[in-house]
Amino acid sequence: MTPLQMFPGFDGLLTLSRREGVDIRPTLLRVLTDLYVQTATHSAEEEQHFVELTSRLIDQVDDATRAAVRARLSIYPRTPAAIMSKLRLHAAAPPRPKTAPPSPPTSAPTAETKPQTTATLSMEPRDGSEISQMFFAANARDRALILQDLATAPLRPSPRVHPSRAARAIETLHMAAFASDVDNFTTELGETLILPARIAERVVKDPGGEPLACAAKALGMPSKIYQQILLFLDPAIGTSVNAVYRLSRLYDLLDERSARIMLAAWRGATMTEARAKYRPTLYNDERHRVRAAPTHERSGVLQPGAATTLRRGTDRDGSGG
């Protein structure tokens, strides 16, 4: 199955959905549908990828998710014919958006959200790496959609930072932002959220600003302080009214659970990279150590029979003396 190009990393979430005990397929189907209907036109290749992914997911999700997706696609004028047929939609459905909404039950999202919100399934480091890469590669619109759907994903979020530790960190971050001290801000954020320096720097210096919003929300930072940090920490964002407004609105709508799941994904990505970096080195070092040791020891060990020959030679020299 080929991943949808406008949603890089989607194949990683499909891998996650197939792991036993984790059913993220309803979330995947909603994300895929939301991304598709927000674009007025699609290329033939994009439409084909959408049909391939959606057709399989529609058969694997619950009735509530299928009804919600059906309602969304019923009012979209460019829903592929294959998907319309699979969802039993008629060509006349799009011109009748006013009569279509009452058909799906209004309680469907709530019924679906409850079992997913209470799920506490931990993600593998590889899955965290996939989600992290997908998030950093996405644009502002897609990042917002990813965070929205992570709120109901059956993944275990990172633990909350202890309130006293969070309060001290927020005060330090606030002061560092006022001083435009990006280095100290990054160091404090990384230490508080248990992120390596490289990831913390990427979060702070991301030009879009969404990763920093996730980090601040995971820390429990008040909205007012977050807005002040936006104004002073990065001039590129602080001098843009549109950027400050967009990120402030995103922060107010951002679910804390989504932010803590993203934090868990960043930590998982770190573990994956560390394993890939150090495992071959340790293996080769151990192999060389095992092979080299016998060679080094043989240079100082007499060969069999050498001691006898040496002893005879010594006696012979002694008798001659």
Protein backbone atom coordinates (compact mmCIF):
# COMPACT_ATOMS: atom_id res chain seq x y z
CA MET A 1 0.00 0.00 0.00
CA THR A 2 1.48 3.37 -1.00
CA PRO A 3 1.28 6.19 1.59
CA LEU A 4 -0.60 9.36 0.67
CA GLN A 5 2.01 11.91 -0.45
CA MET A 6 0.31 14.87 1.16
CA PHE A 7 0.60 13.11 4.53
CA PRO A 8 4.24 11.93 4.88
CA GLY A 9 4.77 9.21 7.46
CA PHE A 10 1.25 7.85 7.12
CA ASP A 11 2.64 4.38 6.49
CA GLY A 12 4.23 4.50 9.94
CA LEU A 13 0.85 4.95 11.57
CA LEU A 14 -0.51 2.09 9.48
CA THR A 15 2.26 -0.08 10.87
CA LEU A 16 1.25 1.05 14.34
CA SER A 17 -2.38 0.16 13.64
CA ARG A 18 -1.45 -3.40 12.73
CA ARG A 19 0.41 -4.09 15.96
CA GLU A 20 -1.58 -6.38 18.20
CA GLY A 21 -3.51 -4.59 20.94
CA VAL A 22 -3.41 -1.13 19.32
CA ASP A 23 -6.34 -0.09 17.14
CA ILE A 24 -5.59 3.32 15.72
CA ARG A 25 -7.44 2.68 12.47
CA PRO A 26 -10.47 4.88 13.33
CA THR A 27 -8.11 7.79 14.00
CA LEU A 28 -6.22 7.15 10.78
CA LEU A 29 -9.40 7.11 8.72
CA ARG A 30 -10.60 10.39 10.22
CA VAL A 31 -7.23 12.08 9.69
CA LEU A 32 -7.03 10.87 6.11
CA THR A 33 -10.55 12.05 5.36
CA ASP A 34 -10.02 15.45 6.99
CA LEU A 35 -6.88 16.03 4.93
CA TYR A 36 -8.56 14.97 1.70
CA VAL A 37 -11.68 17.11 1.95
CA GLN A 38 -9.75 20.27 2.85
CA THR A 39 -8.31 20.41 -0.67
CA ALA A 40 -10.65 21.41 -3.49
CA THR A 41 -8.93 19.38 -6.20
CA HIS A 42 -6.66 16.34 -6.30
CA SER A 43 -4.41 14.77 -8.87
CA ALA A 44 -5.22 11.33 -10.24
CA GLU A 45 -2.39 9.84 -8.19
CA GLU A 46 -3.63 11.44 -4.95
CA GLU A 47 -7.15 10.20 -5.60
CA GLN A 48 -5.86 6.69 -6.27
CA HIS A 49 -3.85 6.67 -3.02
CA PHE A 50 -6.86 7.94 -1.10
CA VAL A 51 -9.07 5.21 -2.52
CA GLU A 52 -6.49 2.50 -1.73
CA LEU A 53 -6.03 3.56 1.88
CA THR A 54 -9.63 4.46 2.64
CA SER A 55 -11.19 1.37 1.09
CA ARG A 56 -9.30 -0.93 3.43
CA LEU A 57 -9.82 1.20 6.54
CA ILE A 58 -13.57 1.56 5.97
CA ASP A 59 -13.97 -2.21 6.30
CA GLN A 60 -11.94 -2.31 9.52
CA VAL A 61 -13.43 0.50 11.63
CA ASP A 62 -16.48 0.62 13.88
CA ASP A 63 -19.92 1.79 12.75
CA ALA A 64 -19.65 5.16 14.48
CA THR A 65 -16.43 6.05 12.67
CA ARG A 66 -17.82 4.84 9.37
CA ALA A 67 -20.93 6.99 9.85
CA ALA A 68 -18.87 10.07 10.68
CA VAL A 69 -16.67 9.60 7.61
CA ARG A 70 -19.71 8.94 5.46
CA ALA A 71 -21.29 12.20 6.59
CA ARG A 72 -18.07 14.11 5.86
CA LEU A 73 -17.65 12.68 2.37
CA SER A 74 -21.34 12.99 1.50
CA ILE A 75 -21.05 16.79 1.30
CA TYR A 76 -17.66 16.82 -0.41
CA PRO A 77 -18.21 17.41 -4.15
CA ARG A 78 -15.16 15.43 -5.32
CA THR A 79 -15.48 12.19 -3.37
CA PRO A 80 -14.11 9.36 -5.58
CA ALA A 81 -16.78 7.18 -7.14
CA ALA A 82 -15.27 4.02 -5.66
CA ILE A 83 -15.57 5.42 -2.14
CA MET A 84 -19.09 6.69 -2.76
CA SER A 85 -20.09 3.20 -3.85
CA LYS A 86 -18.41 1.60 -0.85
CA LEU A 87 -20.20 3.97 1.55
CA ARG A 88 -23.48 3.64 -0.40
CA LEU A 89 -23.56 7.32 -1.24
CA HIS A 90 -25.48 8.59 -4.25
CA ALA A 91 -24.37 11.22 -6.70
CA ALA A 92 -27.24 13.39 -5.57
CA ALA A 93 -26.02 13.46 -1.99
CA PRO A 94 -23.62 16.45 -2.28
CA PRO A 95 -26.32 18.97 -3.38
CA ARG A 96 -28.34 18.11 -0.26
CA PRO A 97 -25.98 19.00 2.62
CA LYS A 98 -28.81 20.40 4.75
CA THR A 99 -30.61 17.07 4.91
CA ALA A 100 -27.50 14.89 5.21
CA PRO A 101 -26.22 15.86 8.71
CA PRO A 102 -29.23 14.50 10.65
CA SER A 103 -28.56 10.97 9.34
CA PRO A 104 -25.41 10.21 11.39
CA PRO A 105 -26.08 10.14 15.14
CA THR A 106 -24.81 13.23 16.93
CA SER A 107 -23.47 11.07 19.76
CA ALA A 108 -21.15 9.10 17.47
CA PRO A 109 -17.97 11.08 18.28
CA THR A 110 -18.64 10.76 22.01
CA ALA A 111 -19.19 7.01 21.81
CA GLU A 112 -15.98 6.67 19.88
CA THR A 113 -13.95 9.00 22.03
CA LYS A 114 -14.64 7.31 25.35
CA PRO A 115 -12.91 3.96 24.74
CA GLN A 116 -9.99 5.61 22.92
CA THR A 117 -9.42 8.31 25.52
CA THR A 118 -9.20 5.77 28.32
CA ALA A 119 -6.77 3.52 26.41
CA THR A 120 -3.29 3.34 27.93
CA LEU A 121 -1.33 1.45 25.28
CA SER A 122 2.32 2.44 25.12
CA MET A 123 3.94 3.08 21.76
CA GLU A 124 7.11 1.42 20.56
CA PRO A 125 10.16 3.65 19.96
CA ARG A 126 9.87 3.01 16.22
CA ASP A 127 6.25 4.20 16.25
CA GLY A 128 7.27 7.29 18.18
CA SER A 129 9.92 8.02 15.60
CA GLU A 130 7.39 7.72 12.78
CA ILE A 131 4.93 10.07 14.47
CA SER A 132 7.68 12.57 15.27
CA GLN A 133 8.98 12.60 11.70
CA MET A 134 5.48 12.92 10.32
CA PHE A 135 4.72 15.88 12.60
CA PHE A 136 7.92 17.81 11.84
CA ALA A 137 7.49 17.23 8.09
CA ALA A 138 3.86 18.43 8.01
CA ASN A 139 2.69 21.97 7.32
CA ALA A 140 0.76 24.11 9.81
CA ARG A 141 -2.67 22.84 8.75
CA ASP A 142 -1.69 19.19 8.89
CA ARG A 143 0.07 19.62 12.23
CA ALA A 144 -3.13 20.99 13.72
CA LEU A 145 -5.07 18.00 12.38
CA ILE A 146 -2.51 15.54 13.72
CA LEU A 147 -2.68 17.07 17.19
CA GLN A 148 -6.48 17.09 17.06
CA ASP A 149 -6.66 13.39 16.28
CA LEU A 150 -3.95 12.38 18.75
CA ALA A 151 -6.33 13.46 21.51
CA THR A 152 -8.40 10.30 20.92
CA ALA A 153 -5.60 7.98 19.82
CA PRO A 154 -5.24 4.83 21.99
CA LEU A 155 -1.69 5.73 22.97
CA ARG A 156 -0.26 6.29 26.41
CA PRO A 157 0.88 9.90 26.91
CA SER A 158 4.02 10.82 28.79
CA PRO A 159 3.59 11.33 32.55
CA ARG A 160 2.81 14.83 33.77
CA VAL A 161 5.67 16.87 35.12
CA HIS A 162 5.46 17.30 38.90
CA PRO A 163 3.62 20.57 39.64
CA SER A 164 6.43 22.10 41.72
CA ARG A 165 9.04 21.23 39.09
CA ALA A 166 6.78 22.56 36.33
CA ALA A 167 6.21 25.83 38.19
CA ARG A 168 9.96 26.43 38.60
CA ALA A 169 10.56 25.60 34.95
CA ILE A 170 7.80 27.91 33.72
CA GLU A 171 9.27 30.79 35.75
CA THR A 172 12.76 30.13 34.35
CA LEU A 173 11.45 29.84 30.79
CA HIS A 174 9.46 33.05 31.19
CA MET A 175 12.54 34.98 32.31
CA ALA A 176 14.72 33.50 29.57
CA ALA A 177 12.16 34.47 26.93
CA PHE A 178 12.04 38.07 28.19
CA ALA A 179 15.83 38.21 27.87
CA SER A 180 15.68 36.52 24.43
CA ASP A 181 18.09 33.93 25.87
CA VAL A 182 17.31 31.06 23.50
CA ASP A 183 20.16 28.86 24.75
CA ASN A 184 19.08 28.88 28.40
CA PHE A 185 15.46 28.53 27.35
CA THR A 186 16.31 25.44 25.31
CA THR A 187 18.43 23.91 28.08
CA GLU A 188 15.73 24.40 30.71
CA LEU A 189 13.00 23.01 28.46
CA GLY A 190 15.06 19.95 27.57
CA GLU A 191 15.96 19.16 31.18
CA THR A 192 12.39 19.60 32.41
CA LEU A 193 10.79 17.47 29.69
CA ILE A 194 13.66 14.92 29.64
CA LEU A 195 14.58 15.61 26.03
CA PRO A 196 18.12 15.52 24.59
CA ALA A 197 19.65 18.84 23.57
CA ARG A 198 19.20 18.14 19.86
CA ILE A 199 15.46 17.48 20.13
CA ALA A 200 14.92 20.39 22.52
CA GLU A 201 16.68 22.72 20.10
CA ARG A 202 14.56 21.49 17.23
CA VAL A 203 11.40 22.05 19.25
CA VAL A 204 12.36 25.59 20.26
CA LYS A 205 13.71 26.71 16.88
CA ASP A 206 11.05 25.16 14.65
CA PRO A 207 9.88 28.01 12.38
CA GLY A 208 6.24 26.95 12.56
CA GLY A 209 6.00 27.13 16.35
CA GLU A 210 3.70 24.13 16.83
CA PRO A 211 6.35 21.94 18.56
CA LEU A 212 6.97 24.64 21.17
CA ALA A 213 3.22 24.87 21.72
CA CYS A 214 3.15 21.13 22.42
CA ALA A 215 6.08 21.39 24.84
CA ALA A 216 4.50 24.29 26.71
CA LYS A 217 1.12 22.54 26.92
CA ALA A 218 2.77 19.33 28.16
CA LEU A 219 4.41 21.44 30.85
CA GLY A 220 1.05 22.93 31.86
CA MET A 221 2.07 26.50 31.02
CA PRO A 222 -0.71 29.12 31.38
CA SER A 223 -1.90 30.60 28.10
CA LYS A 224 -0.98 34.14 29.11
CA ILE A 225 2.66 33.22 29.79
CA TYR A 226 2.85 31.23 26.56
CA GLN A 227 1.67 34.27 24.59
CA GLN A 228 4.32 36.44 26.21
CA ILE A 229 6.98 33.87 25.31
CA LEU A 230 5.79 34.01 21.71
CA LEU A 231 6.26 37.76 21.66
CA PHE A 232 9.79 37.84 23.06
CA LEU A 233 11.59 34.57 22.39
CA ASP A 234 11.64 34.49 18.57
CA PRO A 235 11.51 37.83 16.70
CA ALA A 236 10.36 36.09 13.52
CA ILE A 237 7.19 35.01 15.32
CA GLY A 238 6.85 37.85 17.84
CA THR A 239 6.77 40.53 15.13
CA SER A 240 4.10 38.72 13.13
CA VAL A 241 0.59 39.42 14.32
CA ASN A 242 -0.81 36.56 12.27
CA ALA A 243 1.72 34.06 13.65
CA VAL A 244 1.09 35.07 17.27
CA TYR A 245 -2.67 34.91 16.79
CA ARG A 246 -2.53 31.55 15.01
CA LEU A 247 -0.30 29.91 17.62
CA SER A 248 -2.24 31.42 20.52
CA ARG A 249 -5.47 30.01 19.14
CA LEU A 250 -3.80 26.66 18.53
CA TYR A 251 -2.56 26.62 22.11
CA ASP A 252 -5.99 27.35 23.55
CA LEU A 253 -7.55 24.54 21.48
CA LEU A 254 -4.69 22.09 21.99
CA ASP A 255 -5.56 19.14 24.18
CA GLU A 256 -3.02 18.42 26.91
CA ARG A 257 -3.21 14.71 26.15
CA SER A 258 -2.22 15.33 22.52
CA ALA A 259 0.78 17.34 23.67
CA ARG A 260 1.91 14.63 26.08
CA ILE A 261 1.52 11.93 23.40
CA MET A 262 3.72 14.03 21.12
CA LEU A 263 6.24 14.35 23.95
CA ALA A 264 6.25 10.57 24.29
CA ALA A 265 6.82 10.30 20.53
CA TRP A 266 9.85 12.61 20.74
CA ARG A 267 11.31 10.48 23.50
CA GLY A 268 10.66 7.33 21.50
CA ALA A 269 12.35 8.86 18.45
CA THR A 270 15.40 9.57 20.60
CA MET A 271 15.59 5.94 21.71
CA THR A 272 15.32 4.71 18.12
CA GLU A 273 18.13 6.97 16.93
CA ALA A 274 20.33 6.00 19.88
CA ARG A 275 19.91 2.29 19.14
CA ALA A 276 20.68 2.77 15.47
CA LYS A 277 23.79 4.79 16.31
CA TYR A 278 25.39 2.70 19.04
CA ARG A 279 24.45 -0.93 18.41
CA PRO A 280 26.72 -1.47 15.38
CA THR A 281 29.62 0.28 17.13
CA LEU A 282 29.34 -1.83 20.25
CA TYR A 283 29.06 -4.99 18.19
CA ASN A 284 32.15 -4.22 16.13
CA ASP A 285 34.13 -3.17 19.18
CA GLU A 286 33.31 -6.44 20.90
CA ARG A 287 34.21 -8.44 17.80
CA HIS A 288 37.55 -6.69 17.40
CA ARG A 289 38.28 -7.06 21.09
CA VAL A 290 37.70 -10.82 20.98
CA ARG A 291 39.83 -11.30 17.88
CA ALA A 292 42.68 -9.07 18.94
CA ALA A 293 43.13 -10.45 22.42
CA PRO A 294 44.41 -13.94 21.46
CA THR A 295 46.88 -12.45 18.95
CA HIS A 296 48.31 -10.14 21.56
CA GLU A 297 48.66 -12.93 24.10
CA ARG A 298 50.34 -15.32 21.66
CA SER A 299 53.22 -12.91 21.09
CA GLY A 300 54.37 -13.40 24.68
CA VAL A 301 53.70 -17.15 24.99
CA LEU A 302 56.29 -19.79 24.09
CA GLN A 303 55.38 -22.32 21.47
CA PRO A 304 55.17 -26.01 22.48
CA GLY A 305 58.64 -27.50 22.85
CA ALA A 306 60.34 -24.14 23.00
CA ALA A 307 60.85 -24.31 26.75
CA THR A 308 62.59 -27.71 26.44
CA THR A 309 64.89 -26.50 23.68
CA LEU A 310 65.76 -23.37 25.62
CA ARG A 311 66.50 -25.38 28.77
CA ARG A 312 68.83 -27.77 26.88
CA GLY A 313 70.61 -24.91 25.25
CA THR A 314 71.18 -23.30 28.61
CA ASP A 315 72.58 -26.51 30.14
CA ARG A 316 74.84 -26.99 27.17
CA ASP A 317 76.19 -23.48 27.46
CA GLY A 318 76.63 -23.88 31.20
CA SER A 319 78.60 -27.12 30.88
CA GLY A 320 80.79 -25.55 28.26
CA GLY A 321 81.57 -22.66 30.56
